[in-house]
N, C-alpha and C. Protein backbone atom coordinates (compact mmCIF):
# COMPACT_ATOMS: atom_id res chain seq x y z
N UNK A 1 74.84 -3.17 21.97
CA UNK A 1 74.02 -4.26 21.36
C UNK A 1 74.76 -5.21 20.31
N UNK A 2 75.46 -4.84 19.62
CA UNK A 2 76.38 -5.86 18.48
C UNK A 2 77.31 -7.18 19.44
N UNK A 3 78.08 -6.45 21.00
CA UNK A 3 78.36 -7.72 21.67
C UNK A 3 78.40 -7.82 21.93
N UNK A 4 76.92 -8.08 22.92
CA UNK A 4 75.59 -8.73 23.33
C UNK A 4 74.82 -9.62 22.54
N UNK A 5 74.67 -9.71 21.09
CA UNK A 5 74.50 -10.79 20.17
C UNK A 5 75.78 -11.65 19.89
N UNK A 6 77.02 -10.95 19.58
CA UNK A 6 77.91 -11.47 19.55
C UNK A 6 78.06 -12.77 20.40
N UNK A 7 77.97 -12.41 21.62
CA UNK A 7 77.95 -12.90 22.94
C UNK A 7 76.78 -14.38 22.89
N UNK A 8 75.88 -13.18 22.28
CA UNK A 8 74.67 -15.06 22.63
C UNK A 8 75.30 -15.77 21.26
N UNK A 9 75.75 -16.03 20.31
CA UNK A 9 75.57 -16.24 19.18
C UNK A 9 76.81 -17.59 19.47
N UNK A 10 77.79 -16.85 20.10
CA UNK A 10 79.08 -18.12 20.73
C UNK A 10 78.36 -18.98 21.82
N UNK A 11 77.37 -18.66 22.37
CA UNK A 11 77.18 -19.62 23.69
C UNK A 11 76.62 -20.48 22.93
N UNK A 12 75.22 -19.75 21.92
CA UNK A 12 74.03 -20.93 22.16
C UNK A 12 73.89 -21.62 21.06
N UNK A 13 74.65 -20.82 19.52
CA UNK A 13 74.84 -21.65 18.50
C UNK A 13 76.21 -22.53 18.11
N UNK A 14 77.35 -22.33 18.67
CA UNK A 14 78.79 -22.77 19.36
C UNK A 14 79.63 -21.70 17.86
N UNK A 15 79.26 -20.64 17.43
CA UNK A 15 80.16 -20.13 16.66
C UNK A 15 81.46 -19.21 17.35
N UNK A 16 82.65 -19.31 16.52
CA UNK A 16 83.94 -19.21 17.05
C UNK A 16 83.50 -17.98 17.30
N UNK A 17 85.02 -17.25 18.58
CA UNK A 17 85.16 -15.80 18.12
C UNK A 17 86.03 -15.39 17.20
N UNK A 18 84.99 -14.63 16.47
CA UNK A 18 85.24 -13.72 15.02
C UNK A 18 86.04 -12.17 15.63
N UNK A 19 87.38 -12.15 15.04
CA UNK A 19 87.67 -11.01 14.99
C UNK A 19 86.90 -9.81 14.91
N UNK A 20 87.10 -8.64 15.52
CA UNK A 20 86.48 -7.21 15.25
C UNK A 20 86.76 -6.68 14.27
N UNK A 21 86.70 -5.85 13.29
CA UNK A 21 86.87 -5.66 12.36
C UNK A 21 87.72 -4.39 12.65
N UNK A 22 88.59 -3.48 11.63
CA UNK A 22 89.11 -2.57 12.26
C UNK A 22 87.78 -1.40 12.18
N UNK A 23 88.54 -0.60 13.84
CA UNK A 23 87.68 0.55 13.92
C UNK A 23 86.46 0.20 14.83
N UNK A 24 86.67 -1.35 15.76
CA UNK A 24 85.77 -1.39 16.41
C UNK A 24 84.49 -1.79 16.09
N UNK A 25 83.77 -2.02 14.53
CA UNK A 25 82.12 -1.84 15.08
C UNK A 25 81.81 -3.01 14.54
N UNK A 26 81.04 -3.53 14.17
CA UNK A 26 79.94 -4.51 13.24
C UNK A 26 79.18 -3.91 12.68
N UNK A 27 79.42 -3.74 11.48
CA UNK A 27 78.01 -3.20 11.01
C UNK A 27 77.33 -4.23 10.80
N UNK A 28 75.84 -3.27 9.33
CA UNK A 28 74.97 -4.13 9.30
C UNK A 28 75.27 -4.86 8.40
N UNK A 29 76.76 -4.98 7.25
CA UNK A 29 76.78 -5.96 6.36
C UNK A 29 77.24 -6.82 7.11
N UNK A 30 77.94 -7.04 8.11
CA UNK A 30 78.32 -8.49 9.11
C UNK A 30 76.78 -9.04 9.39
N UNK A 31 75.96 -8.47 9.89
CA UNK A 31 75.09 -9.27 10.12
C UNK A 31 73.80 -9.65 9.26
N UNK A 32 73.64 -8.86 8.16
CA UNK A 32 73.33 -9.64 6.84
C UNK A 32 73.54 -10.62 6.60
N UNK A 33 74.63 -10.54 6.36
CA UNK A 33 76.08 -12.04 6.14
C UNK A 33 75.34 -13.21 6.64
N UNK A 34 75.33 -12.84 7.92
CA UNK A 34 75.15 -14.28 8.39
C UNK A 34 73.85 -14.81 8.50
N UNK A 35 72.83 -13.96 8.00
CA UNK A 35 71.05 -14.07 7.59
C UNK A 35 70.39 -13.25 8.89
N UNK A 36 71.13 -12.49 9.14
CA UNK A 36 70.31 -11.62 10.76
C UNK A 36 69.76 -10.44 10.32
N UNK A 37 68.79 -9.53 10.67
CA UNK A 37 68.47 -8.29 11.30
C UNK A 37 68.29 -7.50 11.64
N UNK A 38 68.47 -6.71 11.91
CA UNK A 38 68.48 -5.97 13.32
C UNK A 38 67.32 -5.63 13.78
N UNK A 39 66.62 -5.36 12.50
CA UNK A 39 64.66 -5.01 12.25
C UNK A 39 64.41 -6.14 12.21
N UNK A 40 64.51 -7.35 12.47
CA UNK A 40 63.91 -8.27 12.22
C UNK A 40 64.75 -9.49 13.26
N UNK A 41 64.75 -9.19 13.96
CA UNK A 41 65.07 -10.32 15.38
C UNK A 41 63.59 -10.74 15.90
N UNK A 42 63.47 -11.88 15.72
CA UNK A 42 62.60 -12.88 16.64
C UNK A 42 62.66 -12.34 18.70
N UNK A 43 61.35 -12.26 18.44
CA UNK A 43 61.05 -11.68 19.92
C UNK A 43 60.97 -13.06 21.12
N UNK A 44 61.13 -13.49 21.68
CA UNK A 44 61.36 -13.95 22.63
C UNK A 44 60.93 -14.07 23.97
N UNK A 45 60.19 -14.75 24.48
CA UNK A 45 59.99 -14.22 26.37
C UNK A 45 61.29 -14.50 26.82
N UNK A 46 60.76 -13.63 28.31
CA UNK A 46 61.78 -13.68 29.18
C UNK A 46 62.65 -14.66 29.83
N UNK A 47 61.17 -15.51 30.06
CA UNK A 47 61.65 -16.97 31.00
C UNK A 47 62.38 -17.97 29.70
N UNK A 48 62.52 -17.83 28.78
CA UNK A 48 62.83 -18.69 27.60
C UNK A 48 64.33 -18.08 27.20
N UNK A 49 65.34 -17.14 27.89
CA UNK A 49 66.22 -16.71 27.18
C UNK A 49 67.23 -17.53 27.33
N UNK A 50 67.67 -18.48 28.48
CA UNK A 50 68.68 -19.33 27.99
C UNK A 50 68.49 -20.33 26.65
N UNK A 51 67.36 -20.48 26.35
CA UNK A 51 67.39 -21.91 25.12
C UNK A 51 67.10 -20.45 23.54
N UNK A 52 66.21 -19.86 24.11
CA UNK A 52 66.41 -18.77 22.59
C UNK A 52 65.24 -19.43 21.75
N UNK A 53 63.99 -20.02 22.34
CA UNK A 53 62.89 -20.75 21.50
C UNK A 53 62.01 -19.57 21.93
N UNK A 54 61.04 -19.14 20.37
CA UNK A 54 60.97 -18.27 19.79
C UNK A 54 59.28 -17.89 21.16
N UNK A 55 58.45 -17.45 20.94
CA UNK A 55 57.12 -17.12 21.83
C UNK A 55 56.18 -18.10 21.87
N UNK A 56 55.57 -18.54 22.25
CA UNK A 56 54.23 -19.57 21.87
C UNK A 56 53.04 -19.38 22.81
N UNK A 57 52.05 -19.30 22.09
CA UNK A 57 50.59 -18.94 22.88
C UNK A 57 50.52 -20.29 23.36
N UNK A 58 49.91 -20.20 25.26
CA UNK A 58 50.38 -21.55 25.62
C UNK A 58 48.25 -21.34 25.73
N UNK A 59 48.07 -23.02 25.89
CA UNK A 59 46.62 -23.14 25.99
C UNK A 59 46.77 -23.96 26.99
N UNK A 60 45.80 -24.42 27.55
CA UNK A 60 45.00 -25.19 28.50
C UNK A 60 44.51 -26.36 28.16
N UNK A 61 45.51 -28.11 28.34
CA UNK A 61 44.75 -28.93 28.06
C UNK A 61 42.89 -29.37 28.49
N UNK A 62 42.77 -29.48 26.87
CA UNK A 62 42.04 -30.13 26.79
C UNK A 62 40.73 -28.92 26.76
N UNK A 63 41.02 -27.61 26.62
CA UNK A 63 39.88 -26.16 26.48
C UNK A 63 39.61 -26.51 24.74
N UNK A 64 40.23 -26.61 23.83
CA UNK A 64 39.83 -26.78 22.50
C UNK A 64 38.84 -27.97 22.34
N UNK A 65 39.15 -29.09 22.99
CA UNK A 65 38.47 -29.71 22.52
C UNK A 65 36.84 -29.68 23.46
N UNK A 66 36.84 -28.93 24.69
CA UNK A 66 35.75 -28.26 25.61
C UNK A 66 34.67 -27.91 25.29
N UNK A 67 35.34 -26.75 24.04
CA UNK A 67 34.86 -25.84 23.84
C UNK A 67 34.20 -26.30 21.90
N UNK A 68 35.05 -27.07 21.23
CA UNK A 68 34.21 -28.26 20.27
C UNK A 68 33.50 -29.14 21.24
N UNK A 69 33.07 -29.72 22.21
CA UNK A 69 31.77 -30.64 22.43
C UNK A 69 30.83 -29.51 23.05
N UNK A 70 30.80 -28.18 23.27
CA UNK A 70 30.05 -27.73 24.05
C UNK A 70 28.99 -27.13 22.63
N UNK A 71 29.99 -26.48 21.72
CA UNK A 71 29.57 -26.07 20.01
C UNK A 71 28.26 -27.02 19.76
N UNK A 72 29.15 -27.98 19.73
CA UNK A 72 28.84 -29.13 19.35
C UNK A 72 26.85 -29.82 19.76
N UNK A 73 26.69 -29.33 20.95
CA UNK A 73 25.92 -30.22 22.32
C UNK A 73 24.55 -29.04 21.82
N UNK A 74 25.33 -27.28 21.91
CA UNK A 74 24.63 -26.63 21.63
C UNK A 74 23.80 -26.26 20.00
N UNK A 75 24.28 -27.24 19.48
CA UNK A 75 23.81 -27.16 17.91
C UNK A 75 22.67 -28.06 17.83
N UNK A 76 22.96 -29.48 18.44
CA UNK A 76 22.60 -30.25 18.59
C UNK A 76 20.57 -30.04 19.26
N UNK A 77 20.90 -29.17 20.50
CA UNK A 77 20.23 -28.84 20.91
C UNK A 77 18.70 -27.58 19.94
N UNK A 78 19.32 -26.90 19.15
CA UNK A 78 18.60 -25.88 18.43
C UNK A 78 18.07 -26.82 17.48
N UNK A 79 18.47 -27.80 16.69
CA UNK A 79 18.26 -28.15 15.81
C UNK A 79 16.89 -29.61 16.34
N UNK A 80 16.71 -30.11 17.61
CA UNK A 80 16.01 -30.86 17.95
C UNK A 80 14.81 -29.91 18.87
N UNK A 81 15.25 -28.61 18.91
CA UNK A 81 13.86 -27.88 19.48
C UNK A 81 13.44 -27.53 18.05
N UNK A 82 13.91 -27.10 16.92
CA UNK A 82 13.42 -26.85 15.89
C UNK A 82 12.55 -28.26 15.44
N UNK A 83 13.06 -28.90 14.93
CA UNK A 83 11.92 -30.32 14.69
C UNK A 83 10.80 -30.20 15.59
N UNK A 84 10.75 -30.47 16.80
CA UNK A 84 10.16 -30.71 17.99
C UNK A 84 9.01 -29.56 17.33
N UNK A 85 8.95 -28.68 16.91
CA UNK A 85 7.76 -27.88 16.91
C UNK A 85 7.21 -27.93 15.55
N UNK A 86 6.02 -28.47 15.88
CA UNK A 86 5.30 -28.87 14.55
C UNK A 86 3.68 -28.78 15.55
N UNK A 87 2.87 -27.66 14.39
CA UNK A 87 1.71 -26.78 15.11
C UNK A 87 0.17 -27.61 14.04
N UNK A 88 -0.62 -27.97 14.61
CA UNK A 88 -1.58 -28.14 14.17
C UNK A 88 -2.89 -27.41 14.33
N UNK A 89 -4.01 -28.03 13.81
CA UNK A 89 -5.67 -26.56 13.92
C UNK A 89 -5.44 -26.51 15.40
N UNK A 90 -5.44 -27.25 16.15
CA UNK A 90 -5.87 -26.91 17.50
C UNK A 90 -4.95 -26.03 18.38
N UNK A 91 -3.58 -25.85 18.12
CA UNK A 91 -2.50 -24.81 18.54
C UNK A 91 -2.62 -23.47 17.64
N UNK A 92 -3.54 -23.55 16.27
CA UNK A 92 -3.58 -22.21 15.69
C UNK A 92 -5.07 -22.22 16.41
N UNK A 93 -5.91 -22.88 16.90
CA UNK A 93 -6.92 -22.27 17.60
C UNK A 93 -6.46 -21.55 19.04
N UNK A 94 -6.01 -21.98 19.54
CA UNK A 94 -4.99 -21.15 21.09
C UNK A 94 -4.70 -20.14 20.57
N UNK A 95 -4.05 -19.80 19.12
CA UNK A 95 -3.33 -18.49 18.91
C UNK A 95 -4.26 -17.18 18.81
N UNK A 96 -4.88 -17.99 17.78
CA UNK A 96 -5.62 -17.09 17.25
C UNK A 96 -6.92 -17.36 17.14
N UNK A 97 -7.85 -15.81 16.86
CA UNK A 97 -8.98 -15.44 16.61
C UNK A 97 -9.69 -16.37 15.90
N UNK A 98 -10.71 -16.57 15.06
CA UNK A 98 -11.47 -17.29 13.70
C UNK A 98 -12.38 -16.38 13.45
N UNK A 99 -12.42 -16.65 11.81
CA UNK A 99 -14.17 -15.92 11.00
C UNK A 99 -13.88 -16.86 10.07
N UNK A 100 -14.99 -16.97 9.48
CA UNK A 100 -15.41 -17.08 8.34
C UNK A 100 -15.43 -16.40 7.06
N UNK A 101 -14.74 -16.63 6.38
CA UNK A 101 -14.76 -15.77 5.26
C UNK A 101 -15.16 -16.93 3.30
N UNK A 102 -16.16 -15.73 2.74
CA UNK A 102 -16.46 -16.61 1.47
C UNK A 102 -15.66 -15.88 0.59
N UNK A 103 -15.25 -16.38 -0.71
CA UNK A 103 -15.00 -15.78 -2.08
C UNK A 103 -15.86 -16.01 -3.27
N UNK A 104 -16.25 -14.74 -3.81
CA UNK A 104 -16.73 -14.62 -4.68
C UNK A 104 -16.12 -15.26 -5.78
N UNK A 105 -15.92 -15.95 -6.83
CA UNK A 105 -15.25 -16.48 -8.04
C UNK A 105 -15.70 -15.51 -8.75
N UNK A 106 -15.12 -15.40 -10.16
CA UNK A 106 -15.70 -14.72 -11.16
C UNK A 106 -16.24 -16.41 -12.30
N UNK A 107 -15.83 -17.17 -11.92
CA UNK A 107 -16.56 -18.55 -12.22
C UNK A 107 -17.78 -18.35 -11.94
N UNK A 108 -18.55 -17.86 -11.37
CA UNK A 108 -20.28 -17.52 -10.56
C UNK A 108 -19.70 -18.71 -9.82
N UNK A 109 -18.85 -18.76 -8.78
CA UNK A 109 -18.97 -19.62 -7.49
C UNK A 109 -18.79 -19.52 -6.37
N UNK A 110 -19.15 -19.77 -5.37
CA UNK A 110 -18.75 -18.83 -3.54
C UNK A 110 -18.05 -19.80 -3.29
N UNK A 111 -17.33 -19.92 -2.36
CA UNK A 111 -16.16 -20.75 -1.55
C UNK A 111 -16.24 -20.63 -0.10
N UNK A 112 -16.65 -21.42 1.03
CA UNK A 112 -16.58 -20.55 2.08
C UNK A 112 -15.56 -21.32 2.43
N UNK A 113 -14.43 -20.44 3.47
CA UNK A 113 -13.25 -20.51 4.34
C UNK A 113 -13.12 -20.66 5.81
N UNK A 114 -12.57 -21.79 6.46
CA UNK A 114 -12.80 -21.18 8.25
C UNK A 114 -10.88 -20.22 8.37
N UNK A 115 -10.50 -19.52 8.48
CA UNK A 115 -9.63 -19.13 8.72
C UNK A 115 -9.35 -17.95 9.94
N UNK A 116 -7.93 -18.58 10.35
CA UNK A 116 -7.21 -17.92 11.33
C UNK A 116 -7.09 -16.58 10.87
N UNK A 117 -7.00 -15.54 12.07
CA UNK A 117 -7.26 -14.13 11.95
C UNK A 117 -5.49 -13.93 12.76
N UNK A 118 -4.68 -12.88 11.64
CA UNK A 118 -3.83 -12.61 12.13
C UNK A 118 -3.40 -11.14 12.20
N UNK A 119 -3.90 -10.47 13.81
CA UNK A 119 -3.92 -9.01 14.06
C UNK A 119 -2.72 -8.44 14.55
N UNK A 120 -2.30 -9.19 15.42
CA UNK A 120 -1.26 -8.49 16.45
C UNK A 120 0.06 -9.05 15.53
N UNK A 121 0.52 -7.91 15.61
CA UNK A 121 2.22 -7.88 14.94
C UNK A 121 3.05 -9.44 15.28
N UNK A 122 2.82 -10.16 17.19
CA UNK A 122 3.38 -11.45 17.19
C UNK A 122 2.54 -12.36 15.99
N UNK A 123 1.29 -12.16 16.32
CA UNK A 123 0.59 -13.21 15.25
C UNK A 123 1.32 -13.22 13.80
N UNK A 124 0.73 -12.35 13.54
CA UNK A 124 1.85 -12.06 11.70
C UNK A 124 2.84 -12.52 11.37
N UNK A 125 4.08 -12.23 13.08
CA UNK A 125 5.28 -12.85 12.75
C UNK A 125 5.43 -14.64 12.37
N UNK A 126 4.53 -15.13 13.57
CA UNK A 126 4.39 -16.38 13.30
C UNK A 126 3.39 -16.92 12.10
N UNK A 127 2.35 -16.72 11.81
CA UNK A 127 1.82 -17.28 10.87
C UNK A 127 1.55 -19.05 10.95
N UNK A 128 1.64 -19.49 9.61
CA UNK A 128 1.10 -20.08 10.05
C UNK A 128 2.98 -21.88 10.33
N UNK A 129 4.06 -20.63 10.42
CA UNK A 129 4.73 -21.66 10.57
C UNK A 129 4.83 -22.84 12.04
N UNK A 130 5.69 -24.08 11.15
CA UNK A 130 5.84 -25.17 11.82
C UNK A 130 4.33 -25.29 11.67
N UNK A 131 3.63 -25.25 10.85
CA UNK A 131 2.14 -26.40 10.73
C UNK A 131 2.38 -27.21 9.92
N UNK A 132 2.05 -28.67 10.07
CA UNK A 132 2.49 -29.57 9.35
C UNK A 132 1.02 -29.88 8.42
N UNK A 133 -0.39 -29.40 8.88
CA UNK A 133 -1.49 -30.18 8.88
C UNK A 133 -1.89 -28.94 8.34
N UNK A 134 -3.06 -28.49 7.32
CA UNK A 134 -3.90 -27.75 6.78
C UNK A 134 -4.76 -28.35 6.22
N UNK A 135 -6.06 -28.23 6.85
CA UNK A 135 -7.27 -29.02 5.84
C UNK A 135 -7.62 -27.63 4.70
N UNK A 136 -7.78 -27.90 3.86
CA UNK A 136 -8.11 -27.49 2.53
C UNK A 136 -9.00 -26.32 2.32
N UNK A 137 -10.63 -26.29 3.54
CA UNK A 137 -11.43 -25.29 3.53
C UNK A 137 -10.91 -24.74 4.70
N UNK A 138 -9.35 -24.22 5.04
CA UNK A 138 -9.33 -23.15 6.10
C UNK A 138 -7.90 -22.34 5.16
N UNK A 139 -7.65 -21.26 6.53
CA UNK A 139 -6.15 -20.68 5.67
C UNK A 139 -6.30 -19.73 6.75
N UNK A 140 -4.95 -18.83 6.60
CA UNK A 140 -4.95 -17.50 7.70
C UNK A 140 -5.37 -16.13 7.00
N UNK A 141 -5.87 -15.50 7.86
CA UNK A 141 -5.86 -14.28 7.02
C UNK A 141 -5.41 -12.84 8.32
N UNK A 142 -4.14 -11.86 7.25
CA UNK A 142 -3.00 -11.18 7.51
C UNK A 142 -4.27 -9.99 7.11
N UNK A 143 -4.58 -9.44 8.51
CA UNK A 143 -5.08 -8.37 8.82
C UNK A 143 -4.15 -7.21 9.02
N UNK A 144 -4.22 -6.16 8.16
CA UNK A 144 -3.72 -4.92 8.61
C UNK A 144 -4.35 -3.60 8.49
N UNK A 145 -3.73 -2.42 9.68
CA UNK A 145 -4.67 -1.26 10.02
C UNK A 145 -4.49 -0.12 8.87
N UNK A 146 -3.70 -0.64 7.58
CA UNK A 146 -4.26 0.82 6.87
C UNK A 146 -3.01 -0.02 5.36
N UNK A 147 -3.73 0.39 4.32
CA UNK A 147 -2.84 -0.28 2.82
C UNK A 147 -1.07 -0.34 2.92
N UNK A 148 -0.96 -0.93 2.50
CA UNK A 148 0.69 -0.93 2.26
C UNK A 148 0.82 -2.04 1.33
N UNK A 149 2.53 -1.35 1.30
CA UNK A 149 3.10 -2.92 -0.02
C UNK A 149 3.39 -4.27 1.34
N UNK A 150 3.46 -5.29 0.84
CA UNK A 150 3.24 -6.40 2.12
C UNK A 150 4.23 -7.32 1.57
N UNK A 151 5.45 -7.55 2.08
CA UNK A 151 5.98 -8.85 2.02
C UNK A 151 6.13 -9.85 2.91
N UNK A 152 5.75 -11.01 2.43
CA UNK A 152 5.62 -12.59 2.91
C UNK A 152 6.70 -13.16 2.67
N UNK A 153 7.72 -14.19 3.64
CA UNK A 153 7.93 -15.07 3.45
C UNK A 153 7.97 -16.55 3.86
N UNK A 154 8.41 -17.70 3.80
CA UNK A 154 8.20 -19.21 4.01
C UNK A 154 9.47 -19.76 5.05
N UNK A 155 10.06 -18.67 5.74
CA UNK A 155 11.28 -19.46 6.68
C UNK A 155 9.91 -19.90 8.13
N UNK A 156 10.70 -20.95 8.06
CA UNK A 156 10.09 -22.44 8.98
C UNK A 156 8.76 -22.79 8.85
N UNK A 157 8.58 -22.36 7.19
CA UNK A 157 7.20 -22.86 7.12
C UNK A 157 6.91 -24.26 6.34
N UNK A 158 6.67 -25.26 6.69
CA UNK A 158 6.93 -26.80 5.66
C UNK A 158 5.78 -26.87 4.88
N UNK A 159 4.83 -26.13 4.79
CA UNK A 159 3.86 -26.52 3.85
C UNK A 159 3.58 -25.30 2.59
N UNK A 160 3.78 -25.93 0.70
CA UNK A 160 3.32 -24.86 0.23
C UNK A 160 1.94 -24.11 -0.10
N UNK A 161 1.91 -23.03 -0.12
CA UNK A 161 1.24 -21.87 -0.09
C UNK A 161 0.56 -21.33 -0.88
N UNK A 162 -0.72 -20.83 -1.51
CA UNK A 162 -1.31 -20.12 -2.32
C UNK A 162 -1.18 -19.13 -1.61
N UNK A 163 -0.91 -17.51 -2.01
CA UNK A 163 -1.02 -16.25 -1.26
C UNK A 163 -1.80 -15.10 -1.79
N UNK A 164 -3.02 -14.69 -1.36
CA UNK A 164 -3.75 -13.71 -2.21
C UNK A 164 -3.80 -12.49 -1.38
N UNK A 165 -3.39 -11.49 -2.42
CA UNK A 165 -2.59 -10.03 -1.78
C UNK A 165 -3.97 -9.66 -2.09
N UNK A 166 -4.93 -8.61 -0.82
CA UNK A 166 -6.04 -8.61 -1.32
C UNK A 166 -6.18 -6.45 -0.42
N UNK A 167 -7.19 -6.10 -1.51
CA UNK A 167 -6.94 -5.17 -1.11
C UNK A 167 -8.09 -4.22 -0.65
N UNK A 168 -8.55 -3.28 -0.02
CA UNK A 168 -8.95 -2.84 1.27
C UNK A 168 -10.40 -3.19 0.85
N UNK A 169 -11.12 -2.91 -0.42
CA UNK A 169 -12.12 -2.66 -1.15
C UNK A 169 -12.82 -3.96 -1.29
N UNK A 170 -11.76 -5.37 -0.68
CA UNK A 170 -12.06 -6.53 -0.69
C UNK A 170 -11.81 -7.92 -1.99
N UNK A 171 -10.98 -6.95 -3.04
CA UNK A 171 -11.08 -7.31 -4.36
C UNK A 171 -9.61 -8.17 -4.79
N UNK A 172 -8.82 -9.13 -4.93
CA UNK A 172 -7.98 -9.92 -5.31
C UNK A 172 -7.09 -8.85 -5.75
N UNK A 173 -6.11 -8.38 -5.38
CA UNK A 173 -4.96 -7.66 -6.58
C UNK A 173 -3.79 -8.25 -7.09
N UNK A 174 -3.72 -9.63 -6.38
CA UNK A 174 -2.64 -10.63 -7.00
C UNK A 174 -2.40 -11.96 -6.26
N UNK A 175 -2.03 -12.79 -7.09
CA UNK A 175 -2.71 -14.11 -6.58
C UNK A 175 -0.71 -14.36 -6.66
N UNK A 176 -0.18 -14.92 -5.07
CA UNK A 176 1.22 -15.51 -5.88
C UNK A 176 1.08 -17.44 -5.25
N UNK A 177 1.36 -18.57 -6.31
CA UNK A 177 0.91 -19.76 -6.19
C UNK A 177 1.98 -20.83 -5.65
N UNK A 178 1.69 -21.88 -4.78
CA UNK A 178 2.68 -22.97 -4.99
C UNK A 178 3.90 -22.24 -5.04
N UNK A 179 3.83 -21.49 -3.14
CA UNK A 179 5.00 -20.91 -2.68
C UNK A 179 6.14 -21.84 -2.11
N UNK A 180 7.76 -21.77 -2.04
CA UNK A 180 7.81 -22.94 -1.97
C UNK A 180 9.08 -22.92 -0.56
N UNK A 181 8.40 -23.80 0.39
CA UNK A 181 8.42 -24.06 2.27
C UNK A 181 9.86 -23.61 2.39
N UNK A 182 9.81 -22.66 3.32
CA UNK A 182 10.94 -22.76 4.31
C UNK A 182 12.22 -21.79 3.58
N UNK A 183 11.43 -21.39 2.63
CA UNK A 183 12.59 -20.53 1.29
C UNK A 183 12.23 -18.90 2.02
N UNK A 184 13.12 -18.35 1.76
CA UNK A 184 13.49 -16.61 2.94
C UNK A 184 13.60 -15.90 1.63
N UNK A 185 13.18 -16.05 -0.02
CA UNK A 185 12.63 -15.30 -1.60
C UNK A 185 11.49 -13.91 -0.77
N UNK A 186 11.50 -13.35 -0.80
CA UNK A 186 10.17 -11.94 -0.32
C UNK A 186 9.32 -12.37 -1.32
N UNK A 187 8.05 -12.15 -0.64
CA UNK A 187 7.07 -12.95 -2.01
C UNK A 187 5.98 -11.28 -1.40
N UNK A 188 5.78 -10.80 -2.27
CA UNK A 188 5.37 -8.89 -2.20
C UNK A 188 4.14 -9.07 -3.07
N UNK A 189 4.14 -7.69 -3.12
CA UNK A 189 2.20 -7.62 -2.70
C UNK A 189 2.96 -6.17 -4.05
N UNK A 190 1.57 -6.47 -5.44
CA UNK A 190 1.90 -5.62 -6.20
C UNK A 190 1.52 -4.38 -6.93
N UNK A 191 0.56 -4.04 -5.36
CA UNK A 191 0.50 -2.38 -4.66
C UNK A 191 -0.38 -2.00 -3.74
N UNK A 192 -0.69 -1.42 -2.65
CA UNK A 192 -0.80 -1.10 -1.63
C UNK A 192 -2.21 -2.16 -1.63
N UNK A 193 -1.77 -3.13 -0.34
CA UNK A 193 -3.07 -3.94 0.24
C UNK A 193 -3.61 -4.02 1.48
N UNK A 194 -4.57 -4.72 2.06
CA UNK A 194 -4.92 -4.35 3.33
C UNK A 194 -5.06 -5.99 3.99
N UNK A 195 -4.83 -6.39 3.28
CA UNK A 195 -4.90 -8.63 3.40
C UNK A 195 -4.48 -9.26 2.81
N UNK A 196 -3.63 -10.55 3.60
CA UNK A 196 -3.01 -11.17 2.66
C UNK A 196 -3.87 -12.94 3.21
N UNK A 197 -4.02 -13.26 2.79
CA UNK A 197 -4.85 -14.25 2.53
C UNK A 197 -3.62 -15.83 1.98
N UNK A 198 -3.30 -16.72 3.56
CA UNK A 198 -2.73 -17.50 2.57
C UNK A 198 -3.53 -18.98 2.90
N UNK A 199 -3.76 -19.57 1.87
CA UNK A 199 -4.16 -21.01 1.55
C UNK A 199 -3.53 -22.13 1.20
N UNK A 200 -3.88 -23.71 1.31
CA UNK A 200 -2.77 -24.57 0.85
C UNK A 200 -2.78 -24.39 -0.56
N UNK A 201 -1.68 -24.63 -1.06
CA UNK A 201 -0.93 -24.46 -2.88
C UNK A 201 -2.01 -25.75 -3.55
N UNK A 202 -2.60 -24.92 -4.76
CA UNK A 202 -3.47 -25.14 -5.61
C UNK A 202 -4.75 -25.14 -5.63
N UNK A 203 -4.63 -24.52 -4.55
CA UNK A 203 -6.45 -24.45 -3.82
C UNK A 203 -7.00 -23.47 -5.18
N UNK A 204 -6.02 -22.47 -5.42
CA UNK A 204 -6.73 -21.17 -6.37
C UNK A 204 -6.92 -21.22 -7.60
N UNK A 205 -6.22 -22.54 -7.74
CA UNK A 205 -6.46 -22.77 -9.32
C UNK A 205 -7.03 -24.16 -9.48
N UNK A 206 -7.49 -24.64 -8.71
CA UNK A 206 -8.43 -25.88 -8.65
C UNK A 206 -9.87 -25.29 -8.23
N UNK A 207 -10.14 -23.58 -7.49
CA UNK A 207 -11.09 -23.47 -7.54
C UNK A 207 -12.03 -22.35 -9.14
N UNK A 208 -10.59 -22.01 -9.07
CA UNK A 208 -10.33 -20.97 -10.26
C UNK A 208 -10.32 -19.68 -9.75
N UNK A 209 -10.28 -18.83 -8.29
CA UNK A 209 -9.87 -17.97 -8.26
C UNK A 209 -8.73 -17.44 -8.40
N UNK A 210 -9.33 -16.01 -8.75
CA UNK A 210 -8.09 -15.52 -10.14
C UNK A 210 -7.91 -13.44 -9.42
N UNK A 211 -7.40 -12.72 -9.72
CA UNK A 211 -7.25 -11.73 -8.98
C UNK A 211 -8.35 -10.85 -10.13
N UNK A 212 -9.04 -9.92 -9.07
CA UNK A 212 -10.59 -9.69 -9.27
C UNK A 212 -11.47 -9.77 -8.71
N UNK A 213 -11.33 -11.16 -8.25
CA UNK A 213 -12.61 -11.79 -7.51
C UNK A 213 -12.37 -11.15 -5.66
N UNK A 214 -13.24 -11.48 -5.31
CA UNK A 214 -14.09 -10.46 -3.68
C UNK A 214 -14.36 -11.60 -3.27
N UNK A 215 -13.45 -11.13 -1.78
CA UNK A 215 -14.00 -12.15 -0.47
C UNK A 215 -15.27 -11.22 0.31
N UNK A 216 -16.11 -11.73 0.88
CA UNK A 216 -17.10 -11.31 1.64
C UNK A 216 -17.17 -11.42 2.82
């Protein structure tokens, strides 16, 4: 192996023939002297043996640019699709059932709201996402089969909301006001509830609706 290595060095690097040391063996120290190591010799492609060029990864011309262009177009397409999704009351009428609800406030007043009802799982997953216009006397009521700790978020929701967590008997357990649009922060009930009511931000403060009030 050492003889073959010396022959390659003489032919390709212009090294003059060297006298073999006594004993006819070129040891490891001799190779280290010339900056070589038997365990660290570079790998070469068989088709490039004459030039001793290190093996390099071959790529097709234009492939990187093509992939980059496709990635950019895909991203722009998703952005355009998201920005184009805008829902209003008419769209909600088609996707949700409706009902009228009255809140009896501790201020000795009653307030009437027209609500969209989110009963099924797909409806609850959609909620008020992409809605840009919500009249003050409307909202969405999430209805669950049994009491449980409920968590909401504001993903793809462009309007700030007041969220009312309501017990099975219709009394308001807790209220989270002025939620942050498009936030992924979890907004949770303080105890098991059966309903979650979403109204325009500021409505509960303006009407004096507080925990302990009741829906009728």
